[in-house]
Structures are given as structure tokens and as C-alpha cells.
C-alpha atoms as a PDB file:
ATOM      1  CA  MET A   1      27.653   0.128  -6.887  1.00  0.00           C
ATOM      2  CA  HIS A   2      26.472   1.834 -10.259  1.00  0.00           C
ATOM      3  CA  LYS A   3      26.175   5.666 -10.423  1.00  0.00           C
ATOM      4  CA  VAL A   4      22.801   6.842 -12.040  1.00  0.00           C
ATOM      5  CA  TYR A   5      22.620  10.036 -13.613  1.00  0.00           C
ATOM      6  CA  LEU A   6      19.401  12.022 -14.103  1.00  0.00           C
ATOM      7  CA  PRO A   7      18.408  15.232 -16.599  1.00  0.00           C
ATOM      8  CA  SER A   8      19.619  17.682 -14.037  1.00  0.00           C
ATOM      9  CA  GLY A   9      22.902  16.409 -13.309  1.00  0.00           C
ATOM     10  CA  GLU A  10      22.237  14.873 -10.033  1.00  0.00           C
ATOM     11  CA  LEU A  11      23.113  11.310  -9.570  1.00  0.00           C
ATOM     12  CA  PHE A  12      22.569   8.878  -6.925  1.00  0.00           C
ATOM     13  CA  LEU A  13      24.533   5.134  -6.325  1.00  0.00           C
ATOM     14  CA  CYS A  14      22.291   1.966  -6.791  1.00  0.00           C
ATOM     15  CA  ASN A  15      23.169  -1.698  -5.790  1.00  0.00           C
ATOM     16  CA  GLU A  16      23.446  -4.374  -8.519  1.00  0.00           C
ATOM     17  CA  ASP A  17      20.469  -6.304  -6.291  1.00  0.00           C
ATOM     18  CA  ASP A  18      18.389  -2.910  -6.325  1.00  0.00           C
ATOM     19  CA  THR A  19      16.380  -1.966  -9.085  1.00  0.00           C
ATOM     20  CA  LEU A  20      16.314   1.757  -9.940  1.00  0.00           C
ATOM     21  CA  VAL A  21      13.201   3.080  -7.877  1.00  0.00           C
ATOM     22  CA  GLN A  22      14.651   0.983  -4.553  1.00  0.00           C
ATOM     23  CA  GLY A  23      18.313   2.340  -5.244  1.00  0.00           C
ATOM     24  CA  ALA A  24      17.047   5.858  -5.937  1.00  0.00           C
ATOM     25  CA  LEU A  25      14.678   6.473  -2.631  1.00  0.00           C
ATOM     26  CA  ARG A  26      17.432   4.566  -0.194  1.00  0.00           C
ATOM     27  CA  GLN A  27      19.595   7.705  -0.736  1.00  0.00           C
ATOM     28  CA  GLY A  28      16.842   9.976  -0.710  1.00  0.00           C
ATOM     29  CA  VAL A  29      15.986  10.792  -3.971  1.00  0.00           C
ATOM     30  CA  GLY A  30      12.518  10.896  -5.376  1.00  0.00           C
ATOM     31  CA  LEU A  31      11.242   9.339  -8.763  1.00  0.00           C
ATOM     32  CA  PRO A  32       8.062   8.651  -9.058  1.00  0.00           C
ATOM     33  CA  TYR A  33       6.435   5.124  -8.433  1.00  0.00           C
ATOM     34  CA  GLU A  34       3.735   3.687  -6.621  1.00  0.00           C
ATOM     35  CA  CYS A  35       3.227   0.009  -6.784  1.00  0.00           C
ATOM     36  CA  ASN A  36       6.680  -1.401  -7.076  1.00  0.00           C
ATOM     37  CA  SER A  37       5.985  -4.360  -8.729  1.00  0.00           C
ATOM     38  CA  GLY A  38       5.327  -3.251 -12.576  1.00  0.00           C
ATOM     39  CA  GLY A  39       1.555  -2.697 -12.380  1.00  0.00           C
ATOM     40  CA  CYS A  40       0.873   1.115 -12.868  1.00  0.00           C
ATOM     41  CA  GLY A  41       3.382   2.518 -14.690  1.00  0.00           C
ATOM     42  CA  THR A  42       3.886   5.966 -12.640  1.00  0.00           C
ATOM     43  CA  CYS A  43       8.170   5.393 -13.069  1.00  0.00           C
ATOM     44  CA  LYS A  44       8.302   4.913 -16.729  1.00  0.00           C
ATOM     45  CA  PHE A  45      12.263   6.230 -17.815  1.00  0.00           C
ATOM     46  CA  ILE A  46      13.526   6.349 -21.064  1.00  0.00           C
ATOM     47  CA  LEU A  47      17.320   4.610 -20.618  1.00  0.00           C
ATOM     48  CA  GLU A  48      20.226   6.857 -22.627  1.00  0.00           C
ATOM     49  CA  GLU A  49      22.968   5.320 -21.416  1.00  0.00           C
ATOM     50  CA  GLY A  50      24.063   1.942 -19.870  1.00  0.00           C
ATOM     51  CA  GLU A  51      22.801  -1.287 -19.581  1.00  0.00           C
ATOM     52  CA  VAL A  52      19.809  -2.548 -17.450  1.00  0.00           C
ATOM     53  CA  GLU A  53      18.573  -6.149 -16.627  1.00  0.00           C
ATOM     54  CA  GLU A  54      14.509  -6.101 -16.617  1.00  0.00           C
ATOM     55  CA  LEU A  55      13.202  -8.098 -14.366  1.00  0.00           C
ATOM     56  CA  ASN A  56       9.415  -8.256 -16.374  1.00  0.00           C
ATOM     57  CA  PRO A  57       9.840  -6.689 -19.966  1.00  0.00           C
ATOM     58  CA  ASP A  58       5.850  -7.782 -20.174  1.00  0.00           C
ATOM     59  CA  ALA A  59       5.089  -6.123 -17.408  1.00  0.00           C
ATOM     60  CA  ALA A  60       1.483  -4.176 -17.439  1.00  0.00           C
ATOM     61  CA  GLY A  61       2.854  -1.057 -17.044  1.00  0.00           C
ATOM     62  CA  LEU A  62       4.223  -0.836 -19.630  1.00  0.00           C
ATOM     63  CA  SER A  63       2.054  -0.324 -23.197  1.00  0.00           C
ATOM     64  CA  ASP A  64       3.161  -1.144 -26.637  1.00  0.00           C
ATOM     65  CA  ARG A  65       3.446   1.986 -27.292  1.00  0.00           C
ATOM     66  CA  ASP A  66       5.471   2.633 -24.491  1.00  0.00           C
ATOM     67  CA  LYS A  67       8.101  -0.099 -25.621  1.00  0.00           C
ATOM     68  CA  ARG A  68       8.250   1.367 -29.207  1.00  0.00           C
ATOM     69  CA  LYS A  69       8.902   4.494 -27.285  1.00  0.00           C
ATOM     70  CA  GLY A  70      12.014   3.008 -25.725  1.00  0.00           C
ATOM     71  CA  ARG A  71      10.250   3.600 -22.112  1.00  0.00           C
ATOM     72  CA  LYS A  72      10.989   1.339 -19.202  1.00  0.00           C
ATOM     73  CA  LEU A  73      10.072   0.383 -15.301  1.00  0.00           C
ATOM     74  CA  ALA A  74      12.018   1.909 -13.159  1.00  0.00           C
ATOM     75  CA  CYS A  75      10.898  -0.225 -10.218  1.00  0.00           C
ATOM     76  CA  GLN A  76      11.361  -3.650 -12.798  1.00  0.00           C
ATOM     77  CA  CYS A  77      14.612  -2.388 -14.158  1.00  0.00           C
ATOM     78  CA  ARG A  78      18.361  -3.575 -12.386  1.00  0.00           C
ATOM     79  CA  PRO A  79      21.425  -1.369 -13.378  1.00  0.00           C
ATOM     80  CA  MET A  80      24.525  -3.349 -14.952  1.00  0.00           C
ATOM     81  CA  SER A  81      26.292  -0.316 -15.434  1.00  0.00           C
ATOM     82  CA  ASP A  82      26.798   3.107 -14.670  1.00  0.00           C
ATOM     83  CA  LEU A  83      23.160   5.066 -16.181  1.00  0.00           C
ATOM     84  CA  LYS A  84      21.984   7.938 -17.932  1.00  0.00           C
ATOM     85  CA  ILE A  85      18.160   8.211 -17.353  1.00  0.00           C
ATOM     86  CA  LYS A  86      15.543  10.480 -18.138  1.00  0.00           C
ATOM     87  CA  VAL A  87      13.368  10.962 -15.384  1.00  0.00           C
ATOM     88  CA  SER A  88      12.434  13.960 -13.510  1.00  0.00           C
ATOM     89  CA  PRO A  89      12.610  13.612  -9.810  1.00  0.00           C
ATOM     90  CA  ASP A  90       9.445  14.663  -7.845  1.00  0.00           C
ATOM     91  CA  PRO A  91       9.254  15.798  -3.996  1.00  0.00           C
ATOM     92  CA  LEU A  92       6.197  13.943  -3.641  1.00  0.00           C
ATOM     93  CA  TYR A  93       8.237  11.318  -3.856  1.00  0.00           C
ATOM     94  CA  THR A  94      10.589  12.205  -1.629  1.00  0.00           C
ATOM     95  CA  PRO A  95      11.061  10.019   1.216  1.00  0.00           C
ATOM     96  CA  LEU A  96      10.545  10.794   4.956  1.00  0.00           C
ATOM     97  CA  HIS A  97      11.594   7.547   6.136  1.00  0.00           C
ATOM     98  CA  LYS A  98      14.724   6.234   3.670  1.00  0.00           C
ATOM     99  CA  PRO A  99      13.907   2.400   2.484  1.00  0.00           C
ATOM    100  CA  ALA A 100      15.782  -0.342   4.202  1.00  0.00           C
ATOM    101  CA  ILE A 101      15.869  -3.893   3.745  1.00  0.00           C
ATOM    102  CA  GLN A 102      16.206  -6.230   7.167  1.00  0.00           C
ATOM    103  CA  GLN A 103      15.066  -9.594   8.732  1.00  0.00           C
ATOM    104  CA  ALA A 104      12.094 -10.516  10.380  1.00  0.00           C
ATOM    105  CA  LYS A 105      10.864 -13.506  12.055  1.00  0.00           C
ATOM    106  CA  LEU A 106       7.347 -14.667  12.300  1.00  0.00           C
ATOM    107  CA  VAL A 107       5.933 -13.867  16.126  1.00  0.00           C
ATOM    108  CA  SER A 108       2.306 -14.647  15.566  1.00  0.00           C
ATOM    109  CA  ILE A 109      -0.882 -15.194  13.831  1.00  0.00           C
ATOM    110  CA  GLU A 110      -4.303 -14.371  14.224  1.00  0.00           C
ATOM    111  CA  THR A 111      -7.403 -15.046  12.201  1.00  0.00           C
ATOM    112  CA  LEU A 112      -9.918 -11.971  11.183  1.00  0.00           C
ATOM    113  CA  THR A 113     -12.689 -13.366   8.744  1.00  0.00           C
ATOM    114  CA  HIS A 114     -12.395 -16.412   7.188  1.00  0.00           C
ATOM    115  CA  ASN A 115      -9.756 -15.122   4.525  1.00  0.00           C
ATOM    116  CA  ILE A 116      -7.741 -12.875   6.492  1.00  0.00           C
ATOM    117  CA  ARG A 117      -4.858 -13.350   9.051  1.00  0.00           C
ATOM    118  CA  ALA A 118      -3.103 -10.734  10.804  1.00  0.00           C
ATOM    119  CA  PHE A 119       0.765 -12.014  10.612  1.00  0.00           C
ATOM    120  CA  LYS A 120       3.120 -10.121  12.707  1.00  0.00           C
ATOM    121  CA  PHE A 121       7.308 -10.043  12.009  1.00  0.00           C
ATOM    122  CA  LYS A 122       9.315  -9.117  14.683  1.00  0.00           C
ATOM    123  CA  PRO A 123      12.379  -7.199  12.877  1.00  0.00           C
ATOM    124  CA  ASP A 124      15.788  -6.984  13.650  1.00  0.00           C
ATOM    125  CA  THR A 125      15.386  -3.226  14.278  1.00  0.00           C
ATOM    126  CA  PRO A 126      12.159  -1.147  15.266  1.00  0.00           C
ATOM    127  CA  MET A 127      10.750   0.157  11.023  1.00  0.00           C
ATOM    128  CA  ASP A 128      10.401   3.861  10.717  1.00  0.00           C
ATOM    129  CA  PHE A 129       7.183   4.138   8.684  1.00  0.00           C
ATOM    130  CA  LEU A 130       3.597   6.175   8.204  1.00  0.00           C
ATOM    131  CA  PRO A 131       0.431   4.729   8.406  1.00  0.00           C
ATOM    132  CA  GLY A 132      -0.626   3.832   5.030  1.00  0.00           C
ATOM    133  CA  GLN A 133       2.266   2.740   3.536  1.00  0.00           C
ATOM    134  CA  TYR A 134       3.744  -0.650   3.183  1.00  0.00           C
ATOM    135  CA  THR A 135       6.733  -3.123   2.837  1.00  0.00           C
ATOM    136  CA  LEU A 136       8.325  -5.505   0.512  1.00  0.00           C
ATOM    137  CA  LEU A 137       7.738  -8.888   1.913  1.00  0.00           C
ATOM    138  CA  THR A 138       9.955 -11.927   0.758  1.00  0.00           C
ATOM    139  CA  LEU A 139       9.943 -14.942   1.810  1.00  0.00           C
ATOM    140  CA  PRO A 140      12.267 -17.415   2.300  1.00  0.00           C
ATOM    141  CA  GLU A 141      11.965 -19.436  -0.835  1.00  0.00           C
ATOM    142  CA  GLY A 142      12.682 -15.615  -2.879  1.00  0.00           C
ATOM    143  CA  ASP A 143       8.877 -14.774  -3.949  1.00  0.00           C
ATOM    144  CA  VAL A 144       8.166 -11.070  -3.057  1.00  0.00           C
ATOM    145  CA  ARG A 145       5.096  -9.104  -2.509  1.00  0.00           C
ATOM    146  CA  ALA A 146       4.195  -5.922  -1.313  1.00  0.00           C
ATOM    147  CA  TYR A 147       2.024  -5.915   1.668  1.00  0.00           C
ATOM    148  CA  SER A 148       0.939  -3.007   3.901  1.00  0.00           C
ATOM    149  CA  MET A 149       1.806  -2.368   7.617  1.00  0.00           C
ATOM    150  CA  ALA A 150      -1.693  -2.730   9.870  1.00  0.00           C
ATOM    151  CA  ASN A 151       0.415  -1.258  13.048  1.00  0.00           C
ATOM    152  CA  LEU A 152       2.092   1.726  13.937  1.00  0.00           C
ATOM    153  CA  ALA A 153       5.657   2.352  13.982  1.00  0.00           C
ATOM    154  CA  ASP A 154       5.940   3.134  18.004  1.00  0.00           C
ATOM    155  CA  ASP A 155       4.687  -0.648  17.846  1.00  0.00           C
ATOM    156  CA  GLN A 156       7.466  -2.496  19.612  1.00  0.00           C
ATOM    157  CA  SER A 157       5.969  -6.418  18.914  1.00  0.00           C
ATOM    158  CA  GLY A 158       6.649  -5.993  16.047  1.00  0.00           C
ATOM    159  CA  VAL A 159       5.635  -5.398  12.071  1.00  0.00           C
ATOM    160  CA  GLU A 160       2.052  -6.235  11.210  1.00  0.00           C
ATOM    161  CA  PHE A 161       0.182  -7.487   7.880  1.00  0.00           C
ATOM    162  CA  PHE A 162      -3.524  -8.389   7.194  1.00  0.00           C
ATOM    163  CA  ILE A 163      -3.062 -10.631   4.268  1.00  0.00           C
ATOM    164  CA  LYS A 164      -6.216 -11.931   2.222  1.00  0.00           C
ATOM    165  CA  GLN A 165      -6.321 -15.658   1.066  1.00  0.00           C
ATOM    166  CA  VAL A 166      -6.524 -15.370  -2.750  1.00  0.00           C
ATOM    167  CA  PRO A 167      -7.330 -18.115  -4.455  1.00  0.00           C
ATOM    168  CA  GLY A 168      -4.273 -19.534  -6.623  1.00  0.00           C
ATOM    169  CA  GLY A 169      -2.268 -16.491  -5.056  1.00  0.00           C
ATOM    170  CA  HIS A 170       1.097 -18.476  -5.035  1.00  0.00           C
ATOM    171  CA  VAL A 171       2.715 -16.111  -1.747  1.00  0.00           C
ATOM    172  CA  THR A 172      -0.734 -15.471   0.286  1.00  0.00           C
ATOM    173  CA  GLN A 173      -1.024 -19.678   0.077  1.00  0.00           C
ATOM    174  CA  ALA A 174       2.602 -20.230   1.014  1.00  0.00           C
ATOM    175  CA  LEU A 175       2.237 -18.082   4.110  1.00  0.00           C
ATOM    176  CA  PHE A 176      -1.639 -19.598   5.173  1.00  0.00           C
ATOM    177  CA  ASP A 177       0.458 -22.691   4.980  1.00  0.00           C
ATOM    178  CA  ILE A 178       2.577 -21.611   7.909  1.00  0.00           C
ATOM    179  CA  ARG A 179       2.784 -22.888  11.260  1.00  0.00           C
ATOM    180  CA  TYR A 180       3.276 -20.330  14.221  1.00  0.00           C
ATOM    181  CA  ASP A 181       6.871 -21.309  14.357  1.00  0.00           C
ATOM    182  CA  THR A 182       9.757 -18.867  15.419  1.00  0.00           C
ATOM    183  CA  ASP A 183      12.124 -20.078  13.462  1.00  0.00           C
ATOM    184  CA  THR A 184      10.531 -18.835   9.793  1.00  0.00           C
ATOM    185  CA  GLU A 185      12.276 -15.713   8.915  1.00  0.00           C
ATOM    186  CA  VAL A 186      11.510 -13.085   6.326  1.00  0.00           C
ATOM    187  CA  SER A 187      12.591 -10.111   4.477  1.00  0.00           C
ATOM    188  CA  LEU A 188      11.196  -7.070   5.230  1.00  0.00           C
ATOM    189  CA  ASP A 189      12.413  -4.001   2.678  1.00  0.00           C
ATOM    190  CA  GLY A 190      10.677  -0.626   3.530  1.00  0.00           C
ATOM    191  CA  PRO A 191       8.672   1.273   4.114  1.00  0.00           C
ATOM    192  CA  TYR A 192       7.406   2.359   0.095  1.00  0.00           C
ATOM    193  CA  GLY A 193       4.489   4.037  -0.660  1.00  0.00           C
ATOM    194  CA  ILE A 194       2.907   8.077  -1.169  1.00  0.00           C
ATOM    195  CA  ALA A 195      -0.499   7.203   0.396  1.00  0.00           C
ATOM    196  CA  TYR A 196       0.622   7.799   3.848  1.00  0.00           C
ATOM    197  CA  CYS A 197      -2.169   9.860   6.775  1.00  0.00           C
ATOM    198  CA  ARG A 198      -1.471  13.944   5.715  1.00  0.00           C
ATOM    199  CA  THR A 199      -1.417  16.746   8.391  1.00  0.00           C
ATOM    200  CA  SER A 200      -4.919  18.502   7.043  1.00  0.00           C
ATOM    201  CA  PRO A 201      -7.742  20.552   9.059  1.00  0.00           C
ATOM    202  CA  ARG A 202     -10.093  18.395   7.174  1.00  0.00           C
ATOM    203  CA  ASP A 203     -12.087  15.644   8.106  1.00  0.00           C
ATOM    204  CA  ILE A 204     -11.257  11.851   7.201  1.00  0.00           C
ATOM    205  CA  ILE A 205     -12.774   9.193   4.943  1.00  0.00           C
ATOM    206  CA  CYS A 206     -10.949   5.752   4.766  1.00  0.00           C
ATOM    207  CA  VAL A 207     -12.535   2.972   1.938  1.00  0.00           C
ATOM    208  CA  ALA A 208     -11.102  -0.337   2.361  1.00  0.00           C
ATOM    209  CA  GLY A 209     -11.594  -3.619   0.469  1.00  0.00           C
ATOM    210  CA  GLY A 210      -9.988  -7.100   1.323  1.00  0.00           C
ATOM    211  CA  SER A 211      -6.868  -7.096   2.572  1.00  0.00           C
ATOM    212  CA  GLY A 212      -6.548  -2.709   1.440  1.00  0.00           C
ATOM    213  CA  LEU A 213      -7.787  -2.866   5.093  1.00  0.00           C
ATOM    214  CA  ALA A 214      -4.327  -2.903   6.985  1.00  0.00           C
ATOM    215  CA  PRO A 215      -2.844   0.405   5.707  1.00  0.00           C
ATOM    216  CA  MET A 216      -6.626   2.375   6.550  1.00  0.00           C
ATOM    217  CA  ILE A 217      -6.890   0.287  10.427  1.00  0.00           C
ATOM    218  CA  SER A 218      -3.162   1.962  10.716  1.00  0.00           C
ATOM    219  CA  ILE A 219      -4.665   5.086   9.875  1.00  0.00           C
ATOM    220  CA  ALA A 220      -7.517   4.475  12.205  1.00  0.00           C
ATOM    221  CA  ARG A 221      -4.926   3.754  14.737  1.00  0.00           C
ATOM    222  CA  ALA A 222      -2.537   6.748  13.970  1.00  0.00           C
ATOM    223  CA  HIS A 223      -6.273   8.682  14.605  1.00  0.00           C
ATOM    224  CA  VAL A 224      -7.158   7.168  17.792  1.00  0.00           C
ATOM    225  CA  GLN A 225      -3.735   7.485  19.220  1.00  0.00           C
ATOM    226  CA  ALA A 226      -3.342  11.084  18.654  1.00  0.00           C
ATOM    227  CA  GLY A 227      -6.572  12.056  19.940  1.00  0.00           C
ATOM    228  CA  ILE A 228      -7.326  14.588  17.366  1.00  0.00           C
ATOM    229  CA  LYS A 229     -10.448  16.881  16.290  1.00  0.00           C
ATOM    230  CA  ARG A 230     -11.207  15.521  12.988  1.00  0.00           C
ATOM    231  CA  LYS A 231     -13.823  12.966  12.523  1.00  0.00           C
ATOM    232  CA  LEU A 232     -12.970   9.595  10.951  1.00  0.00           C
ATOM    233  CA  TYR A 233     -15.593   7.725   9.000  1.00  0.00           C
ATOM    234  CA  PHE A 234     -14.353   4.047   8.071  1.00  0.00           C
ATOM    235  CA  PHE A 235     -16.229   1.717   5.221  1.00  0.00           C
ATOM    236  CA  PHE A 236     -14.722  -1.769   4.557  1.00  0.00           C
ATOM    237  CA  GLY A 237     -16.138  -3.735   1.601  1.00  0.00           C
ATOM    238  CA  GLY A 238     -16.664  -7.609   0.654  1.00  0.00           C
ATOM    239  CA  GLN A 239     -18.423  -9.645  -1.151  1.00  0.00           C
ATOM    240  CA  ARG A 240     -20.223 -11.820   2.023  1.00  0.00           C
ATOM    241  CA  HIS A 241     -20.526 -11.310   5.513  1.00  0.00           C
ATOM    242  CA  GLU A 242     -18.343 -13.203   6.370  1.00  0.00           C
ATOM    243  CA  ASP A 243     -15.907 -11.537   4.489  1.00  0.00           C
ATOM    244  CA  ILE A 244     -16.242  -8.382   6.867  1.00  0.00           C
ATOM    245  CA  LEU A 245     -15.178  -6.703  10.198  1.00  0.00           C
ATOM    246  CA  LYS A 246     -18.293  -6.666  12.942  1.00  0.00           C
ATOM    247  CA  LEU A 247     -18.648  -3.369  14.460  1.00  0.00           C
ATOM    248  CA  ASP A 248     -16.978  -4.965  17.993  1.00  0.00           C
ATOM    249  CA  GLN A 249     -13.921  -6.317  16.007  1.00  0.00           C
ATOM    250  CA  PHE A 250     -13.239  -3.298  14.454  1.00  0.00           C
ATOM    251  CA  ARG A 251     -12.941  -1.199  17.354  1.00  0.00           C
ATOM    252  CA  ARG A 252     -10.762  -3.341  19.400  1.00  0.00           C
ATOM    253  CA  LEU A 253      -8.322  -3.496  16.223  1.00  0.00           C
ATOM    254  CA  VAL A 254      -7.691  -0.310  16.018  1.00  0.00           C
ATOM    255  CA  GLY A 255      -8.377   0.565  19.995  1.00  0.00           C
ATOM    256  CA  ASP A 256     -11.383   2.560  19.723  1.00  0.00           C
ATOM    257  CA  SER A 257     -13.460   1.968  23.039  1.00  0.00           C
ATOM    258  CA  THR A 258     -14.829   5.326  23.052  1.00  0.00           C
ATOM    259  CA  GLY A 259     -16.750   4.931  19.608  1.00  0.00           C
ATOM    260  CA  ILE A 260     -14.957   8.045  18.372  1.00  0.00           C
ATOM    261  CA  ILE A 261     -14.799   6.649  14.795  1.00  0.00           C
ATOM    262  CA  GLN A 262     -18.102   5.942  12.239  1.00  0.00           C
ATOM    263  CA  TYR A 263     -17.484   2.504  11.041  1.00  0.00           C
ATOM    264  CA  THR A 264     -19.778   1.137   7.768  1.00  0.00           C
ATOM    265  CA  ALA A 265     -19.377  -2.146   6.288  1.00  0.00           C
ATOM    266  CA  ALA A 266     -20.609  -3.078   3.370  1.00  0.00           C
ATOM    267  CA  VAL A 267     -21.456  -6.598   1.311  1.00  0.00           C
ATOM    268  CA  SER A 268     -22.177  -6.581  -2.669  1.00  0.00           C
ATOM    269  CA  ASP A 269     -23.528  -9.669  -2.844  1.00  0.00           C
ATOM    270  CA  GLU A 270     -25.827 -10.087  -0.072  1.00  0.00           C
ATOM    271  CA  THR A 271     -28.593  -8.519   1.131  1.00  0.00           C
ATOM    272  CA  SER A 272     -28.051  -5.966   3.822  1.00  0.00           C
ATOM    273  CA  SER A 273     -28.483  -6.626   7.531  1.00  0.00           C
ATOM    274  CA  GLY A 274     -28.105  -4.695  10.367  1.00  0.00           C
ATOM    275  CA  SER A 275     -24.536  -5.227  10.448  1.00  0.00           C
ATOM    276  CA  ALA A 276     -24.012  -4.248   6.707  1.00  0.00           C
ATOM    277  CA  ASP A 277     -25.386  -2.064   4.087  1.00  0.00           C
ATOM    278  CA  ASN A 278     -26.025  -3.954   0.526  1.00  0.00           C
ATOM    279  CA  GLY A 279     -23.435  -2.510  -2.471  1.00  0.00           C
ATOM    280  CA  PHE A 280     -20.158  -1.819  -3.455  1.00  0.00           C
ATOM    281  CA  VAL A 281     -18.030  -0.268  -0.672  1.00  0.00           C
ATOM    282  CA  HIS A 282     -17.419   3.007  -2.794  1.00  0.00           C
ATOM    283  CA  GLN A 283     -20.928   3.735  -3.631  1.00  0.00           C
ATOM    284  CA  VAL A 284     -21.620   2.983  -0.207  1.00  0.00           C
ATOM    285  CA  MET A 285     -19.345   5.819   1.094  1.00  0.00           C
ATOM    286  CA  LEU A 286     -20.872   8.008  -1.301  1.00  0.00           C
ATOM    287  CA  GLU A 287     -24.055   7.914  -0.669  1.00  0.00           C
ATOM    288  CA  ARG A 288     -23.614   7.929   3.292  1.00  0.00           C
ATOM    289  CA  MET A 289     -21.814  11.008   2.707  1.00  0.00           C
ATOM    290  CA  GLY A 290     -23.555  13.154   0.574  1.00  0.00           C
ATOM    291  CA  GLN A 291     -22.514  16.082  -1.723  1.00  0.00           C
ATOM    292  CA  GLN A 292     -20.037  17.657   0.623  1.00  0.00           C
ATOM    293  CA  LEU A 293     -17.084  14.947  -0.354  1.00  0.00           C
ATOM    294  CA  SER A 294     -14.684  18.300  -1.475  1.00  0.00           C
ATOM    295  CA  GLU A 295     -14.935  18.883   2.641  1.00  0.00           C
ATOM    296  CA  TYR A 296     -12.983  15.792   3.245  1.00  0.00           C
ATOM    297  CA  ASP A 297      -9.546  13.996   2.729  1.00  0.00           C
ATOM    298  CA  ILE A 298     -10.346  10.307   0.971  1.00  0.00           C
ATOM    299  CA  TYR A 299      -7.884   7.301   1.650  1.00  0.00           C
ATOM    300  CA  CYS A 300      -8.676   4.369   0.145  1.00  0.00           C
ATOM    301  CA  ALA A 301      -6.778   0.729  -0.743  1.00  0.00           C
ATOM    302  CA  GLY A 302      -7.854  -2.644  -1.989  1.00  0.00           C
ATOM    303  CA  PRO A 303      -8.756  -4.418  -4.991  1.00  0.00           C
ATOM    304  CA  PRO A 304      -7.509  -2.647  -8.728  1.00  0.00           C
ATOM    305  CA  ALA A 305     -11.306  -2.772  -9.606  1.00  0.00           C
ATOM    306  CA  MET A 306     -12.480  -0.685  -7.046  1.00  0.00           C
ATOM    307  CA  THR A 307      -9.913   1.980  -6.617  1.00  0.00           C
ATOM    308  CA  THR A 308     -10.327   2.582 -10.087  1.00  0.00           C
ATOM    309  CA  ALA A 309     -14.633   2.718  -9.601  1.00  0.00           C
ATOM    310  CA  LEU A 310     -13.619   4.987  -7.061  1.00  0.00           C
ATOM    311  CA  GLU A 311     -11.422   7.452  -8.810  1.00  0.00           C
ATOM    312  CA  SER A 312     -13.749   7.357 -11.792  1.00  0.00           C
ATOM    313  CA  THR A 313     -16.757   8.144  -9.812  1.00  0.00           C
ATOM    314  CA  LEU A 314     -15.007  11.111  -7.725  1.00  0.00           C
ATOM    315  CA  HIS A 315     -13.719  12.685 -11.130  1.00  0.00           C
ATOM    316  CA  THR A 316     -16.899  12.517 -12.621  1.00  0.00           C
ATOM    317  CA  ILE A 317     -18.491  14.432  -9.746  1.00  0.00           C
ATOM    318  CA  GLY A 318     -15.971  17.126  -9.533  1.00  0.00           C
ATOM    319  CA  PHE A 319     -13.751  16.066  -6.314  1.00  0.00           C
ATOM    320  CA  PRO A 320     -10.337  17.712  -5.743  1.00  0.00           C
ATOM    321  CA  MET A 321      -8.538  15.071  -6.632  1.00  0.00           C
ATOM    322  CA  GLY A 322      -5.421  16.400  -4.898  1.00  0.00           C
ATOM    323  CA  GLN A 323      -7.717  15.216  -1.961  1.00  0.00           C
ATOM    324  CA  LEU A 324      -7.663  11.419  -3.160  1.00  0.00           C
ATOM    325  CA  TYR A 325      -4.441   9.456  -1.441  1.00  0.00           C
ATOM    326  CA  TYR A 326      -4.501   5.400  -2.385  1.00  0.00           C
ATOM    327  CA  ASP A 327      -1.133   3.687  -4.285  1.00  0.00           C
ATOM    328  CA  ARG A 328      -2.003   1.717  -7.420  1.00  0.00           C
ATOM    329  CA  PHE A 329      -2.141  -1.699  -7.662  1.00  0.00           C
ATOM    330  CA  PHE A 330      -2.996  -4.259 -10.025  1.00  0.00           C
END
């Protein structure tokens, strides 16, 4: 364990196998972060004293200007000595459930669409997390990928992930090649993420694309289970009709037998039908919801192009950005 000193004089201990983000969050210190994979740049810091191992010095979250100024990514740096770093913790990032590592066995695989499967793993001990959060899943070969939970923390049957098969994707292909086998084990490190469902008087909009379906389903499941009066509008987008969930399938997944959630599917590369609107999912959401978006909290998960387009459009129309929640993945 190494000591990591912050500008305030506060310190936390970090294991040599943990990144600075992981070490801080395990001890309840709210270092800013989002993707945990080097893409978003939220966790930038300056190393003032000590040595670190940089897992990916060329990570997309660091610009050439950042490098010239000596900035590094806390999610890509492991301590090699005691450190003094320049970064300010933020209460927004203080974990409500401290992340921990444990082993988990594969217990089921279910096909949702032609390229999305539900994988359920049974961890050694139940994982506490909030709807919308994610975990770092490590395959036996050592490959790591961030996946959001689709279930709720009180689900005793295991932790569920909806994973999309990505052409050329090394980790997703390895998972899709797995045959059901109770001896298959992975490592789960979590929970992480700041795009979890908040308590609010406003109604909710969930916007999902691809494997971003999982955290939005978790939020929808929590909404149904809680039986709260707030309305929830759920938008799920894909390129073709085969990419999306049909209404009855969606209701079965979230347990919405009485239809309290308004579900809309969108396809961008095919014409609309009775089961889906035509267009990019964020555009369909904007068209459907009209001009009163400031009355809603919006949760979003999906490909970077989708989340970036939604954020840009909402900013342009003057939406209060503090009511938009998503984790940046690249």
C-alpha cells in the first residue's frame, strides 16, 4: 500500500494493483472520474511527487496539451511509491457504495436481440449498487471491460449484464463464445459510475442505445418496483428493427405488467413501423417530448456518438444540464 497525499493534506492508501481512482473510491474519497478506461479525461491530475505506472500513456482522454502540462489520468495510473498529487476531490464522486473486487460464476445466458445477450453471474457475496451504475468485469485471460448492471441490488439470483456483440470487439466476442458452464468465472470490481438514479420530484426520461440498454433497464426496474408516482418515458434505439426490443419483451424485462412506463423504440436505418419510430433515438425523444424538457430528469446510456449528440442538442436548447445524467464512455 502507498500513501497518496492530496492538496488539502488529506491522504488515502492505494494498493499497487489499483489505479488511483480505484484506490480512492475504495476508501470513500471522491476523486472525479467517469469511464474508468482512459477515454473521457474527467480524472486528470498532476503528479507533484513520487512515481506511477501509466497503463496507457496514449489514452484518448489526454490531449497533447495535457501531456505538455504534465497531466495524467488517475484511472490509468498505479502508484509505485508514496505520491503527492494535485487534484481536488468532489462530493459528487464520493461513492455511496465503495467498490470491491470479488469472483463471480456464470449462471445463465439469454438472447435478447440478434446481437445482445443477457449474462448473469453469481458473485461470492451480494453486490450493493445503485440503478445505473457499472462494474469492471475481468475475464480469466485478464481482459477488462466496463459493463453496467441491468438488475437491482436486491436480486439474489446474480448480477446481470446486457452485452452487445461488437464486430472486432475482443472482450465481447470472448463472452459470446462462452458456452453455458457453471465453471466459468470472472472477476467483478464495482460498483462505479455517477449516472445512477436520483431522488427528484421530476418525471424521468431514459434514453438507451445498444448495450446502453442495461443501466436504463435497471432504472426502469427500480421505478416499477418502487411504485412511485413519477412518470417514466423510455426510449431505445438501434439501426434496424432486429436491434430493438418489442414492447412486450420490454415490459417482461422490467416487470411492467400494467404498462406504467411509456416505451418508444426508434430505428435509424429503416423505415418506421407500428413498433418503432424512424430516426436517431435522441431525435425521436426530442420530437415526442416536445418543448417542456426542463420538467424532466434525463438518463442516457449508449454509443459515444449518441450521448454526445444528445448532450449537444440539450445544451443548444437551454436544457438545465444538471438534470442530464450519463457516464462518458469512449
